[in-house]
């Protein structure tokens, strides 16, 4: 796939869905590597728009997501300890999930429950996940951070799957801590760690792959930790 291939215009059906959802101007298109043996996803496409994305698949499948409401999960598989493939999951507000990109992603029952996943569609292995994946994560943070900060300041609790955040502190599945007791936020081998004094873990550790909108989540945590002084 060459860069010029990413400027393949959307189909009329995809363009109509994007317009209906108010996704704004079209930016780029991503497709799979064509196969003569497994043709199921040869016509599948990922269309990026200013305000969201449209995913298409076999048998007329089309789904649209806007940056202000979508939840994005990123699963990084490794080879010899080095990041290799990135499988992304897009979740709409009703819990319908679509897996796209290379690699594999399987959700356990408890993961589905904590994330509110109601259904999962296995989408295409779209090329260049380092480009469109990073674009999605950054676009979601830009669109949702002001709204999420406002909700927290109003006293609301925001759910990121593995963690829940409010203005007082952070809660994992088993343990919680006020922001004033969290001194360090770090990750190791794909696991997020919250340390307090003497490097003791204050809140449950969790896999980064189970945190919805992980870039947004980390930005919010750093902001609230800094505000707690």
C-alpha atoms as a PDB file:
ATOM      1  CA  UNK A   1       0.000   0.000   0.000  1.00  0.00           C
ATOM      2  CA  UNK A   2       1.376   3.361  -1.047  1.00  0.00           C
ATOM      3  CA  UNK A   3       0.483   6.759   0.389  1.00  0.00           C
ATOM      4  CA  UNK A   4      -1.495   7.633  -2.731  1.00  0.00           C
ATOM      5  CA  UNK A   5      -3.798   4.706  -1.948  1.00  0.00           C
ATOM      6  CA  UNK A   6      -4.979   6.453   1.212  1.00  0.00           C
ATOM      7  CA  UNK A   7      -6.742   9.077  -0.883  1.00  0.00           C
ATOM      8  CA  UNK A   8      -9.295   6.705  -2.397  1.00  0.00           C
ATOM      9  CA  UNK A   9     -12.583   8.645  -2.018  1.00  0.00           C
ATOM     10  CA  UNK A  10     -15.393   7.212   0.127  1.00  0.00           C
ATOM     11  CA  UNK A  11     -18.232   5.305  -1.480  1.00  0.00           C
ATOM     12  CA  UNK A  12     -21.537   7.116  -1.726  1.00  0.00           C
ATOM     13  CA  UNK A  13     -22.939   4.922   1.073  1.00  0.00           C
ATOM     14  CA  UNK A  14     -20.040   5.722   3.413  1.00  0.00           C
ATOM     15  CA  UNK A  15     -20.214   9.419   2.561  1.00  0.00           C
ATOM     16  CA  UNK A  16     -23.959   9.487   3.277  1.00  0.00           C
ATOM     17  CA  UNK A  17     -23.464   7.816   6.667  1.00  0.00           C
ATOM     18  CA  UNK A  18     -20.687  10.268   7.568  1.00  0.00           C
ATOM     19  CA  UNK A  19     -22.876  13.212   6.586  1.00  0.00           C
ATOM     20  CA  UNK A  20     -25.792  11.829   8.608  1.00  0.00           C
ATOM     21  CA  UNK A  21     -23.558  11.578  11.692  1.00  0.00           C
ATOM     22  CA  UNK A  22     -21.993  15.011  11.142  1.00  0.00           C
ATOM     23  CA  UNK A  23     -18.430  13.736  10.787  1.00  0.00           C
ATOM     24  CA  UNK A  24     -17.284  16.667   8.658  1.00  0.00           C
ATOM     25  CA  UNK A  25     -14.830  16.594   5.744  1.00  0.00           C
ATOM     26  CA  UNK A  26     -13.215  13.325   4.655  1.00  0.00           C
ATOM     27  CA  UNK A  27      -9.450  13.087   5.298  1.00  0.00           C
ATOM     28  CA  UNK A  28      -8.010   9.691   4.294  1.00  0.00           C
ATOM     29  CA  UNK A  29      -8.889   6.089   3.496  1.00  0.00           C
ATOM     30  CA  UNK A  30      -7.268   2.846   4.670  1.00  0.00           C
ATOM     31  CA  UNK A  31      -7.801  -0.642   3.268  1.00  0.00           C
ATOM     32  CA  UNK A  32      -6.433  -4.176   3.667  1.00  0.00           C
ATOM     33  CA  UNK A  33      -3.769  -5.874   1.656  1.00  0.00           C
ATOM     34  CA  UNK A  34      -5.721  -7.563  -1.128  1.00  0.00           C
ATOM     35  CA  UNK A  35      -5.799 -11.362  -1.101  1.00  0.00           C
ATOM     36  CA  UNK A  36      -6.715 -13.818  -3.843  1.00  0.00           C
ATOM     37  CA  UNK A  37      -7.355 -16.612  -1.352  1.00  0.00           C
ATOM     38  CA  UNK A  38      -9.255 -14.857   1.442  1.00  0.00           C
ATOM     39  CA  UNK A  39     -11.369 -12.193  -0.262  1.00  0.00           C
ATOM     40  CA  UNK A  40     -13.809 -11.434   2.561  1.00  0.00           C
ATOM     41  CA  UNK A  41     -12.307  -8.058   3.448  1.00  0.00           C
ATOM     42  CA  UNK A  42     -10.885  -6.965   0.086  1.00  0.00           C
ATOM     43  CA  UNK A  43     -13.504  -4.227  -0.158  1.00  0.00           C
ATOM     44  CA  UNK A  44     -13.492  -3.253   3.528  1.00  0.00           C
ATOM     45  CA  UNK A  45     -12.444   0.327   4.213  1.00  0.00           C
ATOM     46  CA  UNK A  46     -11.622   2.632   7.107  1.00  0.00           C
ATOM     47  CA  UNK A  47     -12.495   6.253   6.333  1.00  0.00           C
ATOM     48  CA  UNK A  48     -11.137   9.017   8.548  1.00  0.00           C
ATOM     49  CA  UNK A  49     -13.104  12.258   8.782  1.00  0.00           C
ATOM     50  CA  UNK A  50     -12.427  15.439  10.716  1.00  0.00           C
ATOM     51  CA  UNK A  51     -14.934  14.560  13.435  1.00  0.00           C
ATOM     52  CA  UNK A  52     -14.927  10.771  13.350  1.00  0.00           C
ATOM     53  CA  UNK A  53     -14.573   7.618  11.283  1.00  0.00           C
ATOM     54  CA  UNK A  54     -16.589   5.158   9.204  1.00  0.00           C
ATOM     55  CA  UNK A  55     -15.753   1.432   9.075  1.00  0.00           C
ATOM     56  CA  UNK A  56     -17.109  -0.815   6.309  1.00  0.00           C
ATOM     57  CA  UNK A  57     -17.017  -4.579   5.944  1.00  0.00           C
ATOM     58  CA  UNK A  58     -18.549  -7.581   4.193  1.00  0.00           C
ATOM     59  CA  UNK A  59     -22.266  -7.970   3.519  1.00  0.00           C
ATOM     60  CA  UNK A  60     -22.901  -4.238   3.594  1.00  0.00           C
ATOM     61  CA  UNK A  61     -21.580  -3.677   7.112  1.00  0.00           C
ATOM     62  CA  UNK A  62     -21.098   0.032   7.912  1.00  0.00           C
ATOM     63  CA  UNK A  63     -20.541   1.721  11.279  1.00  0.00           C
ATOM     64  CA  UNK A  64     -19.843   5.361  12.104  1.00  0.00           C
ATOM     65  CA  UNK A  65     -18.150   6.764  15.201  1.00  0.00           C
ATOM     66  CA  UNK A  66     -17.684  10.373  16.231  1.00  0.00           C
ATOM     67  CA  UNK A  67     -14.679  11.450  18.306  1.00  0.00           C
ATOM     68  CA  UNK A  68     -16.892  12.973  21.013  1.00  0.00           C
ATOM     69  CA  UNK A  69     -18.571   9.700  22.002  1.00  0.00           C
ATOM     70  CA  UNK A  70     -16.440   6.776  20.769  1.00  0.00           C
ATOM     71  CA  UNK A  71     -14.347   4.686  23.147  1.00  0.00           C
ATOM     72  CA  UNK A  72     -11.142   3.246  21.704  1.00  0.00           C
ATOM     73  CA  UNK A  73      -9.202   0.281  23.083  1.00  0.00           C
ATOM     74  CA  UNK A  74      -5.693  -0.573  21.867  1.00  0.00           C
ATOM     75  CA  UNK A  75      -4.240  -4.067  22.192  1.00  0.00           C
ATOM     76  CA  UNK A  76      -0.518  -4.317  21.438  1.00  0.00           C
ATOM     77  CA  UNK A  77       0.907  -7.765  20.785  1.00  0.00           C
ATOM     78  CA  UNK A  78       4.684  -8.266  21.040  1.00  0.00           C
ATOM     79  CA  UNK A  79       7.447 -10.417  19.602  1.00  0.00           C
ATOM     80  CA  UNK A  80      10.514 -10.936  21.763  1.00  0.00           C
ATOM     81  CA  UNK A  81       9.325  -8.135  24.010  1.00  0.00           C
ATOM     82  CA  UNK A  82       8.999  -5.633  21.148  1.00  0.00           C
ATOM     83  CA  UNK A  83       5.591  -4.156  20.120  1.00  0.00           C
ATOM     84  CA  UNK A  84       4.523  -5.865  16.902  1.00  0.00           C
ATOM     85  CA  UNK A  85       0.834  -5.559  16.015  1.00  0.00           C
ATOM     86  CA  UNK A  86      -1.842  -3.125  17.161  1.00  0.00           C
ATOM     87  CA  UNK A  87      -5.449  -4.272  17.249  1.00  0.00           C
ATOM     88  CA  UNK A  88      -7.961  -1.500  17.943  1.00  0.00           C
ATOM     89  CA  UNK A  89     -11.523  -1.805  19.200  1.00  0.00           C
ATOM     90  CA  UNK A  90     -14.066   0.939  18.568  1.00  0.00           C
ATOM     91  CA  UNK A  91     -17.019   1.079  20.962  1.00  0.00           C
ATOM     92  CA  UNK A  92     -20.174   3.105  20.381  1.00  0.00           C
ATOM     93  CA  UNK A  93     -22.281   4.454  23.297  1.00  0.00           C
ATOM     94  CA  UNK A  94     -24.570   1.397  23.121  1.00  0.00           C
ATOM     95  CA  UNK A  95     -21.642  -1.022  23.576  1.00  0.00           C
ATOM     96  CA  UNK A  96     -21.363  -2.341  20.002  1.00  0.00           C
ATOM     97  CA  UNK A  97     -17.692  -3.088  19.337  1.00  0.00           C
ATOM     98  CA  UNK A  98     -15.692  -3.468  16.115  1.00  0.00           C
ATOM     99  CA  UNK A  99     -12.148  -4.876  16.157  1.00  0.00           C
ATOM    100  CA  UNK A 100      -9.888  -3.535  13.384  1.00  0.00           C
ATOM    101  CA  UNK A 101      -6.206  -3.705  12.495  1.00  0.00           C
ATOM    102  CA  UNK A 102      -3.675  -6.570  12.697  1.00  0.00           C
ATOM    103  CA  UNK A 103      -3.324  -8.951  15.606  1.00  0.00           C
ATOM    104  CA  UNK A 104      -6.016 -10.645  17.690  1.00  0.00           C
ATOM    105  CA  UNK A 105      -8.218  -9.366  20.515  1.00  0.00           C
ATOM    106  CA  UNK A 106     -10.365 -11.598  22.721  1.00  0.00           C
ATOM    107  CA  UNK A 107     -12.515 -10.119  25.494  1.00  0.00           C
ATOM    108  CA  UNK A 108     -13.083 -12.065  28.700  1.00  0.00           C
ATOM    109  CA  UNK A 109     -16.528 -12.002  30.296  1.00  0.00           C
ATOM    110  CA  UNK A 110     -15.400  -9.628  33.060  1.00  0.00           C
ATOM    111  CA  UNK A 111     -13.846  -7.284  30.470  1.00  0.00           C
ATOM    112  CA  UNK A 112     -17.105  -7.132  28.540  1.00  0.00           C
ATOM    113  CA  UNK A 113     -18.991  -6.364  31.726  1.00  0.00           C
ATOM    114  CA  UNK A 114     -16.665  -3.581  32.882  1.00  0.00           C
ATOM    115  CA  UNK A 115     -16.577  -1.972  29.435  1.00  0.00           C
ATOM    116  CA  UNK A 116     -20.274  -2.441  28.699  1.00  0.00           C
ATOM    117  CA  UNK A 117     -19.621  -4.427  25.515  1.00  0.00           C
ATOM    118  CA  UNK A 118     -22.843  -5.856  24.103  1.00  0.00           C
ATOM    119  CA  UNK A 119     -21.567  -7.238  20.774  1.00  0.00           C
ATOM    120  CA  UNK A 120     -18.265  -7.655  18.904  1.00  0.00           C
ATOM    121  CA  UNK A 121     -17.669  -7.612  15.138  1.00  0.00           C
ATOM    122  CA  UNK A 122     -14.306  -8.796  13.798  1.00  0.00           C
ATOM    123  CA  UNK A 123     -13.388  -6.135  11.260  1.00  0.00           C
ATOM    124  CA  UNK A 124     -10.590  -5.938   8.727  1.00  0.00           C
ATOM    125  CA  UNK A 125      -6.827  -5.894   9.277  1.00  0.00           C
ATOM    126  CA  UNK A 126      -6.460  -2.386   7.883  1.00  0.00           C
ATOM    127  CA  UNK A 127      -2.937  -1.386   6.863  1.00  0.00           C
ATOM    128  CA  UNK A 128      -0.917   1.370   8.546  1.00  0.00           C
ATOM    129  CA  UNK A 129      -2.397   1.062  12.068  1.00  0.00           C
ATOM    130  CA  UNK A 130       0.434   3.217  13.405  1.00  0.00           C
ATOM    131  CA  UNK A 131      -0.981   6.085  11.324  1.00  0.00           C
ATOM    132  CA  UNK A 132      -4.741   5.772  11.727  1.00  0.00           C
ATOM    133  CA  UNK A 133      -4.543   4.367  15.259  1.00  0.00           C
ATOM    134  CA  UNK A 134      -2.526   7.245  16.635  1.00  0.00           C
ATOM    135  CA  UNK A 135      -4.751   9.701  14.779  1.00  0.00           C
ATOM    136  CA  UNK A 136      -7.812   8.226  16.491  1.00  0.00           C
ATOM    137  CA  UNK A 137      -6.315   8.321  19.980  1.00  0.00           C
ATOM    138  CA  UNK A 138      -5.257  11.950  19.632  1.00  0.00           C
ATOM    139  CA  UNK A 139      -8.549  13.019  18.039  1.00  0.00           C
ATOM    140  CA  UNK A 140     -10.543  11.419  20.861  1.00  0.00           C
ATOM    141  CA  UNK A 141      -8.449  13.184  23.508  1.00  0.00           C
ATOM    142  CA  UNK A 142      -8.869  16.571  21.817  1.00  0.00           C
ATOM    143  CA  UNK A 143     -12.617  16.102  21.489  1.00  0.00           C
ATOM    144  CA  UNK A 144     -13.390  14.592  24.889  1.00  0.00           C
ATOM    145  CA  UNK A 145     -10.898  16.019  27.415  1.00  0.00           C
ATOM    146  CA  UNK A 146     -12.739  19.344  27.997  1.00  0.00           C
ATOM    147  CA  UNK A 147     -16.061  17.524  28.433  1.00  0.00           C
ATOM    148  CA  UNK A 148     -14.583  14.923  30.788  1.00  0.00           C
ATOM    149  CA  UNK A 149     -12.834  17.567  32.894  1.00  0.00           C
ATOM    150  CA  UNK A 150     -16.102  19.462  33.159  1.00  0.00           C
ATOM    151  CA  UNK A 151     -17.960  16.331  34.276  1.00  0.00           C
ATOM    152  CA  UNK A 152     -15.384  15.580  36.970  1.00  0.00           C
ATOM    153  CA  UNK A 153     -15.455  19.164  38.220  1.00  0.00           C
ATOM    154  CA  UNK A 154     -19.251  18.904  38.533  1.00  0.00           C
ATOM    155  CA  UNK A 155     -18.804  15.914  40.830  1.00  0.00           C
ATOM    156  CA  UNK A 156     -19.540  13.182  38.287  1.00  0.00           C
ATOM    157  CA  UNK A 157     -17.703   9.850  37.999  1.00  0.00           C
ATOM    158  CA  UNK A 158     -16.207   8.855  34.644  1.00  0.00           C
ATOM    159  CA  UNK A 159     -15.847   5.160  33.755  1.00  0.00           C
ATOM    160  CA  UNK A 160     -12.817   4.022  31.724  1.00  0.00           C
ATOM    161  CA  UNK A 161     -13.446   0.298  32.095  1.00  0.00           C
ATOM    162  CA  UNK A 162     -10.635  -0.841  34.375  1.00  0.00           C
ATOM    163  CA  UNK A 163     -10.854   2.402  36.396  1.00  0.00           C
ATOM    164  CA  UNK A 164     -13.365   4.981  37.552  1.00  0.00           C
ATOM    165  CA  UNK A 165     -12.328   8.606  38.043  1.00  0.00           C
ATOM    166  CA  UNK A 166     -13.824  11.425  40.076  1.00  0.00           C
ATOM    167  CA  UNK A 167     -12.455  14.642  41.538  1.00  0.00           C
ATOM    168  CA  UNK A 168     -11.591  12.936  44.816  1.00  0.00           C
ATOM    169  CA  UNK A 169      -9.585   9.984  43.535  1.00  0.00           C
ATOM    170  CA  UNK A 170      -9.179   6.882  41.399  1.00  0.00           C
ATOM    171  CA  UNK A 171     -10.918   3.517  41.869  1.00  0.00           C
ATOM    172  CA  UNK A 172      -9.848   0.188  40.397  1.00  0.00           C
ATOM    173  CA  UNK A 173     -11.805  -3.042  40.559  1.00  0.00           C
ATOM    174  CA  UNK A 174     -10.673  -3.728  44.152  1.00  0.00           C
ATOM    175  CA  UNK A 175      -8.811  -0.750  45.586  1.00  0.00           C
ATOM    176  CA  UNK A 176      -9.013   3.032  45.392  1.00  0.00           C
ATOM    177  CA  UNK A 177      -6.951   6.023  46.511  1.00  0.00           C
ATOM    178  CA  UNK A 178      -7.335   9.809  46.693  1.00  0.00           C
ATOM    179  CA  UNK A 179      -5.292  11.834  44.209  1.00  0.00           C
ATOM    180  CA  UNK A 180      -3.158  13.239  47.030  1.00  0.00           C
ATOM    181  CA  UNK A 181      -1.811   9.732  47.747  1.00  0.00           C
ATOM    182  CA  UNK A 182      -0.830   8.948  44.151  1.00  0.00           C
ATOM    183  CA  UNK A 183       2.729  10.141  43.567  1.00  0.00           C
ATOM    184  CA  UNK A 184       3.680   8.291  40.373  1.00  0.00           C
ATOM    185  CA  UNK A 185       1.898   6.907  37.312  1.00  0.00           C
ATOM    186  CA  UNK A 186       3.948   4.492  35.201  1.00  0.00           C
ATOM    187  CA  UNK A 187       3.640   1.427  32.987  1.00  0.00           C
ATOM    188  CA  UNK A 188       5.644  -1.779  32.657  1.00  0.00           C
ATOM    189  CA  UNK A 189       5.128  -4.538  30.062  1.00  0.00           C
ATOM    190  CA  UNK A 190       1.728  -3.175  29.128  1.00  0.00           C
ATOM    191  CA  UNK A 191       0.548  -2.802  32.729  1.00  0.00           C
ATOM    192  CA  UNK A 192      -0.394   0.532  34.291  1.00  0.00           C
ATOM    193  CA  UNK A 193       0.865   1.109  37.838  1.00  0.00           C
ATOM    194  CA  UNK A 194      -0.114   3.774  40.387  1.00  0.00           C
ATOM    195  CA  UNK A 195       2.406   4.257  43.184  1.00  0.00           C
ATOM    196  CA  UNK A 196       2.221   6.192  46.423  1.00  0.00           C
ATOM    197  CA  UNK A 197       4.896   6.893  49.027  1.00  0.00           C
ATOM    198  CA  UNK A 198       7.727   4.344  49.294  1.00  0.00           C
ATOM    199  CA  UNK A 199       6.798   3.063  45.789  1.00  0.00           C
ATOM    200  CA  UNK A 200       3.863   1.116  47.196  1.00  0.00           C
ATOM    201  CA  UNK A 201       0.991   0.442  44.817  1.00  0.00           C
ATOM    202  CA  UNK A 202      -2.063   2.416  45.857  1.00  0.00           C
ATOM    203  CA  UNK A 203      -4.643   1.321  43.253  1.00  0.00           C
ATOM    204  CA  UNK A 204      -5.050  -1.928  41.331  1.00  0.00           C
ATOM    205  CA  UNK A 205      -2.711  -2.375  38.401  1.00  0.00           C
ATOM    206  CA  UNK A 206      -4.478  -2.944  35.078  1.00  0.00           C
ATOM    207  CA  UNK A 207      -3.564  -3.830  31.523  1.00  0.00           C
ATOM    208  CA  UNK A 208      -3.445  -0.800  29.246  1.00  0.00           C
ATOM    209  CA  UNK A 209      -5.472  -2.785  26.707  1.00  0.00           C
ATOM    210  CA  UNK A 210      -8.483  -2.778  29.068  1.00  0.00           C
ATOM    211  CA  UNK A 211      -8.588   1.004  29.541  1.00  0.00           C
ATOM    212  CA  UNK A 212     -10.973   2.805  27.204  1.00  0.00           C
ATOM    213  CA  UNK A 213      -9.419   5.909  25.614  1.00  0.00           C
ATOM    214  CA  UNK A 214      -6.154   5.311  27.468  1.00  0.00           C
ATOM    215  CA  UNK A 215      -4.477   8.516  26.241  1.00  0.00           C
ATOM    216  CA  UNK A 216      -7.451  10.570  27.461  1.00  0.00           C
ATOM    217  CA  UNK A 217      -7.436   8.651  30.757  1.00  0.00           C
ATOM    218  CA  UNK A 218      -3.752   9.330  31.426  1.00  0.00           C
ATOM    219  CA  UNK A 219      -4.096  13.019  30.571  1.00  0.00           C
ATOM    220  CA  UNK A 220      -7.019  13.296  32.985  1.00  0.00           C
ATOM    221  CA  UNK A 221      -5.162  11.459  35.757  1.00  0.00           C
ATOM    222  CA  UNK A 222      -2.083  13.675  35.423  1.00  0.00           C
ATOM    223  CA  UNK A 223      -4.256  16.796  35.547  1.00  0.00           C
ATOM    224  CA  UNK A 224      -6.145  15.698  38.664  1.00  0.00           C
ATOM    225  CA  UNK A 225      -2.980  14.468  40.398  1.00  0.00           C
ATOM    226  CA  UNK A 226      -1.276  17.807  39.750  1.00  0.00           C
ATOM    227  CA  UNK A 227      -4.329  19.727  40.997  1.00  0.00           C
ATOM    228  CA  UNK A 228      -4.249  17.748  44.234  1.00  0.00           C
ATOM    229  CA  UNK A 229      -0.732  19.010  44.745  1.00  0.00           C
END
